[in-house]
Structures are given as structure tokens and as C-alpha cells.
Amino acid sequence: MSKRRKKVRGNPARQARPAEPTSQPGGLRGFRQARREGRDTSTAPQRRDEVRGGYLSEANRRAAEGADSNPHLLLYSLLGLMVLLFAYLHLYALPQMNYFAGGFSMPDARLFGYSVEDIERLRNVMDSDGTGQLSFLHRTAGILFPLSFVLSAWAVVGLVMRRGVFRWMVLAGAAIFAVVDITENFLIDQILTMEPLEESLVAVSSAFTVTSWALLMIIGAVVIGSVVMSLISRGVERA
């Protein structure tokens, strides 16, 4: 009787299969194992939930987009605060002060400066309550607005504008505006209450007012324009 080997019957799953290469652990475990084995740690396998088919997983992609948008949310918040303070100071509060000045506009609102005659006219119609209200406005919104302008320019320079000398010029211009504008507020308070009135101080205060308005319009246009261009370019890239 010939002896033949019988075919192996049974569950095919139990039959021997070619061994598959074991995947190396990823994440921190893979990094430690690569370091123990003396391999290059920069090529340590990543976690499977981090990369799928060469692309970040959906959760990590959303997290990356959120990390990128958080600084821009801060930027937009600072810009919104700056616009609100500007509207309150120059479009609401200062026009309201005309009531204490017999209908005459405040020196802060005069883009082209003012003369000694203009200040004398204000001094004749404004009482101590009016000058006190203007001084209080200068020490609150008159300081907060220039500071918010500097912070907004700093955020735009750091997050939107490209590296170069120009962005430092923009930031320096914003800082100079803040110093000039705050100094102008104190000079106006002084020339409205000092006795006697000094013409040289009026000329200096008027020059500070014109300079602050010029810097505000130039630097403000650059800051707002940079943000608008950045939003347009981001929209084009996403499209």
C-alpha cells in the first residue's frame, strides 16, 4: 500500500501565509524605538491617525486651520476696537462737545489746524464745565484710541505684511501718531485754560493736530489696505 501524503484539509485560514512586514510603531513610541536602534529619528513613522495617504486627517486639518485663524481673529478684534473708538471719539463725542462751545468745532476736529483767533473764540464761549468735559474725553478715549491704533498696526505688520523695511516704517509711523495725538490732547487742554494765552503754544498745538491727522490717514490707509488685500488673496487661494 503506497503511502501518500494527504492534502491538508480543514480551515484554509489556518494554512501558512507569507509573513507580512510588521509596521513600526508610530508617534512617541516609534521615536524612542528609532533612537534606541540608532536610526535617524527624523524618519520615525508617524501615527496612522495623523497621516492617511500622504494627507493630514480631517481632524488634524481642522486643527491646523484653527491654529492659523486664531491670530487673525485677534487681528480683526483689534481692528474692530480701533474703528469703534474712532467712531466714538471723532464722530460722536467731539461733535457733542460743540454744545459747550456755542456751535464751534473742537480743535481736535480741525484737519487744517487753528489760529489764535479760533482759540480765543472758544475760550470766550466755553465755561469750566465745557473744558472739564473735553479734558476728561482727552484722558479716556483720547488715549485709548491711539493705543488701539498702534496695537492694530502691530498686528497687521506681524501677521499680514511681508518682511521688509516698509513694515517697520508703518509700525514706527503708528507709534509716532500715538505720541503726537496724545501730546496734542494735553496741549489743547492747556491752551484753553492758560492765562494769558501764548501764541507760540497755539502754533505748536495746531501743528501737532495737522500732523496727527496726516499720520492717521496715511498709516490707516496702509493698514486697512493690507488687511483687505490679505482677505482677497486668501479668498482666491481657497477658491
Foldseek 3Di string as FASTA:
>chain_A
DDDDDDDDDDDPVPDDDPDDDDDADADPVQLVVCVVVVHDSVPRDHHCQQDDPRDGHPVVVVVVVVVLCVLVVVLVVLVVVLVVLCCCLQVPDQCVLCVQQVNDGAQLNDQQFDAPVSLVSSLVRHDPVSLVSLLVCCVPSVLVNLVSQLVSLVSCLVNQDDDDDVSVVLNVLSVVLNVLSSVLSVLSSDQSPDPPHDRVSRVVSRVSSNSSVVSCVVSVCVSVVRVVVRVVVVVVVVD
